[in-house]
Amino acid sequence: MMSLTTASSSLGGVLGAMVGGFALLRYGYIGLEVVTSIPGLIATAIYVLWVRNE
């Protein structure tokens, strides 16, 4: 269970970095702001809280 949680969180980090990097390359800083806007922050907060509660 612990290894699965670690794997999923590291995978989420990799995917987040890829999405952030793609947005930065494709749309510049405006795209990065859109990705990290309110819905992105809410989703990140929910994900972090869920991982901590596991």
N, C-alpha and C. Protein backbone atom coordinates (compact mmCIF):
# COMPACT_ATOMS: atom_id res chain seq x y z
N MET A 1 0.83 -1.20 0.00
CA MET A 1 0.00 0.00 0.00
C MET A 1 0.87 1.25 0.00
N MET A 2 1.92 1.23 0.82
CA MET A 2 2.78 2.40 0.89
C MET A 2 3.51 2.61 -0.43
N SER A 3 3.99 1.52 -1.04
CA SER A 3 4.70 1.66 -2.30
C SER A 3 3.76 2.14 -3.41
N LEU A 4 2.51 1.70 -3.35
CA LEU A 4 1.53 2.14 -4.34
C LEU A 4 1.26 3.64 -4.20
N THR A 5 1.13 4.11 -2.95
CA THR A 5 0.91 5.53 -2.71
C THR A 5 2.11 6.34 -3.17
N THR A 6 3.31 5.83 -2.87
CA THR A 6 4.53 6.53 -3.29
C THR A 6 4.61 6.58 -4.81
N ALA A 7 4.29 5.47 -5.45
CA ALA A 7 4.35 5.42 -6.91
C ALA A 7 3.34 6.38 -7.53
N SER A 8 2.13 6.41 -6.98
CA SER A 8 1.11 7.29 -7.55
C SER A 8 1.46 8.75 -7.33
N SER A 9 2.03 9.08 -6.16
CA SER A 9 2.38 10.47 -5.91
C SER A 9 3.55 10.90 -6.78
N SER A 10 4.52 10.01 -6.99
CA SER A 10 5.64 10.37 -7.86
C SER A 10 5.17 10.48 -9.30
N LEU A 11 4.25 9.61 -9.70
CA LEU A 11 3.69 9.70 -11.05
C LEU A 11 2.92 11.00 -11.22
N GLY A 12 2.16 11.38 -10.18
CA GLY A 12 1.44 12.65 -10.23
C GLY A 12 2.39 13.82 -10.34
N GLY A 13 3.52 13.74 -9.64
CA GLY A 13 4.52 14.81 -9.72
C GLY A 13 5.11 14.90 -11.11
N VAL A 14 5.39 13.74 -11.71
CA VAL A 14 5.94 13.73 -13.07
C VAL A 14 4.93 14.29 -14.06
N LEU A 15 3.67 13.85 -13.93
CA LEU A 15 2.64 14.35 -14.84
C LEU A 15 2.43 15.85 -14.65
N GLY A 16 2.44 16.30 -13.39
CA GLY A 16 2.28 17.73 -13.12
C GLY A 16 3.41 18.54 -13.73
N ALA A 17 4.64 18.02 -13.61
CA ALA A 17 5.79 18.71 -14.19
C ALA A 17 5.69 18.75 -15.71
N MET A 18 5.23 17.64 -16.31
CA MET A 18 5.08 17.59 -17.76
C MET A 18 4.02 18.57 -18.24
N VAL A 19 2.88 18.60 -17.54
CA VAL A 19 1.80 19.51 -17.92
C VAL A 19 2.25 20.96 -17.75
N GLY A 20 2.91 21.24 -16.61
CA GLY A 20 3.40 22.60 -16.37
C GLY A 20 4.44 23.01 -17.39
N GLY A 21 5.36 22.10 -17.71
CA GLY A 21 6.39 22.40 -18.70
C GLY A 21 5.79 22.61 -20.08
N PHE A 22 4.81 21.78 -20.44
CA PHE A 22 4.15 21.93 -21.74
C PHE A 22 3.42 23.26 -21.83
N ALA A 23 2.69 23.61 -20.75
CA ALA A 23 1.96 24.89 -20.76
C ALA A 23 2.93 26.06 -20.86
N LEU A 24 4.07 25.94 -20.17
CA LEU A 24 5.06 27.02 -20.20
C LEU A 24 5.65 27.16 -21.60
N LEU A 25 5.96 26.02 -22.24
CA LEU A 25 6.53 26.06 -23.58
C LEU A 25 5.51 26.53 -24.62
N ARG A 26 4.29 26.01 -24.49
CA ARG A 26 3.27 26.26 -25.53
C ARG A 26 2.67 27.65 -25.41
N TYR A 27 2.36 28.06 -24.17
CA TYR A 27 1.60 29.29 -23.98
C TYR A 27 2.36 30.34 -23.17
N GLY A 28 3.58 30.02 -22.74
CA GLY A 28 4.33 30.99 -21.95
C GLY A 28 3.80 31.09 -20.54
N TYR A 29 4.12 32.18 -19.88
CA TYR A 29 3.74 32.33 -18.47
C TYR A 29 2.24 32.46 -18.29
N ILE A 30 1.53 32.97 -19.30
CA ILE A 30 0.07 33.06 -19.19
C ILE A 30 -0.53 31.66 -19.09
N GLY A 31 -0.02 30.73 -19.91
CA GLY A 31 -0.51 29.35 -19.85
C GLY A 31 -0.21 28.71 -18.51
N LEU A 32 0.98 29.01 -17.96
CA LEU A 32 1.34 28.46 -16.66
C LEU A 32 0.41 29.00 -15.59
N GLU A 33 0.03 30.27 -15.69
CA GLU A 33 -0.91 30.84 -14.72
C GLU A 33 -2.27 30.19 -14.84
N VAL A 34 -2.69 29.89 -16.07
CA VAL A 34 -4.00 29.25 -16.27
C VAL A 34 -4.00 27.86 -15.63
N VAL A 35 -2.90 27.11 -15.84
CA VAL A 35 -2.81 25.76 -15.28
C VAL A 35 -2.83 25.80 -13.76
N THR A 36 -2.17 26.82 -13.18
CA THR A 36 -2.07 26.91 -11.72
C THR A 36 -3.08 27.89 -11.16
N SER A 37 -4.19 28.09 -11.88
CA SER A 37 -5.22 29.00 -11.41
C SER A 37 -6.04 28.33 -10.30
N ILE A 38 -7.16 28.93 -9.96
CA ILE A 38 -7.95 28.46 -8.82
C ILE A 38 -8.34 26.98 -8.93
N PRO A 39 -8.89 26.50 -10.06
CA PRO A 39 -9.22 25.06 -10.14
C PRO A 39 -8.00 24.17 -9.97
N GLY A 40 -6.88 24.59 -10.54
CA GLY A 40 -5.65 23.82 -10.38
C GLY A 40 -5.19 23.77 -8.93
N LEU A 41 -5.28 24.90 -8.23
CA LEU A 41 -4.89 24.94 -6.82
C LEU A 41 -5.83 24.09 -5.98
N ILE A 42 -7.12 24.13 -6.27
CA ILE A 42 -8.09 23.32 -5.52
C ILE A 42 -7.80 21.84 -5.74
N ALA A 43 -7.58 21.44 -7.00
CA ALA A 43 -7.30 20.04 -7.30
C ALA A 43 -6.01 19.60 -6.62
N THR A 44 -5.00 20.45 -6.62
CA THR A 44 -3.73 20.11 -5.96
C THR A 44 -3.93 19.96 -4.46
N ALA A 45 -4.70 20.86 -3.85
CA ALA A 45 -4.94 20.79 -2.41
C ALA A 45 -5.69 19.51 -2.05
N ILE A 46 -6.71 19.16 -2.83
CA ILE A 46 -7.46 17.93 -2.58
C ILE A 46 -6.55 16.72 -2.71
N TYR A 47 -5.70 16.72 -3.75
CA TYR A 47 -4.79 15.59 -3.97
C TYR A 47 -3.81 15.44 -2.81
N VAL A 48 -3.23 16.57 -2.37
CA VAL A 48 -2.27 16.52 -1.26
C VAL A 48 -2.94 16.03 0.01
N LEU A 49 -4.13 16.53 0.30
CA LEU A 49 -4.84 16.10 1.50
C LEU A 49 -5.19 14.62 1.42
N TRP A 50 -5.58 14.15 0.24
CA TRP A 50 -5.94 12.74 0.07
C TRP A 50 -4.73 11.86 0.30
N VAL A 51 -3.58 12.26 -0.26
CA VAL A 51 -2.36 11.46 -0.09
C VAL A 51 -1.94 11.43 1.37
N ARG A 52 -2.08 12.55 2.08
CA ARG A 52 -1.70 12.59 3.49
C ARG A 52 -2.61 11.71 4.34
N ASN A 53 -3.88 11.62 3.96
CA ASN A 53 -4.83 10.84 4.75
C ASN A 53 -4.73 9.34 4.48
N GLU A 54 -4.03 8.93 3.45
CA GLU A 54 -3.91 7.50 3.12
C GLU A 54 -3.16 6.75 4.20
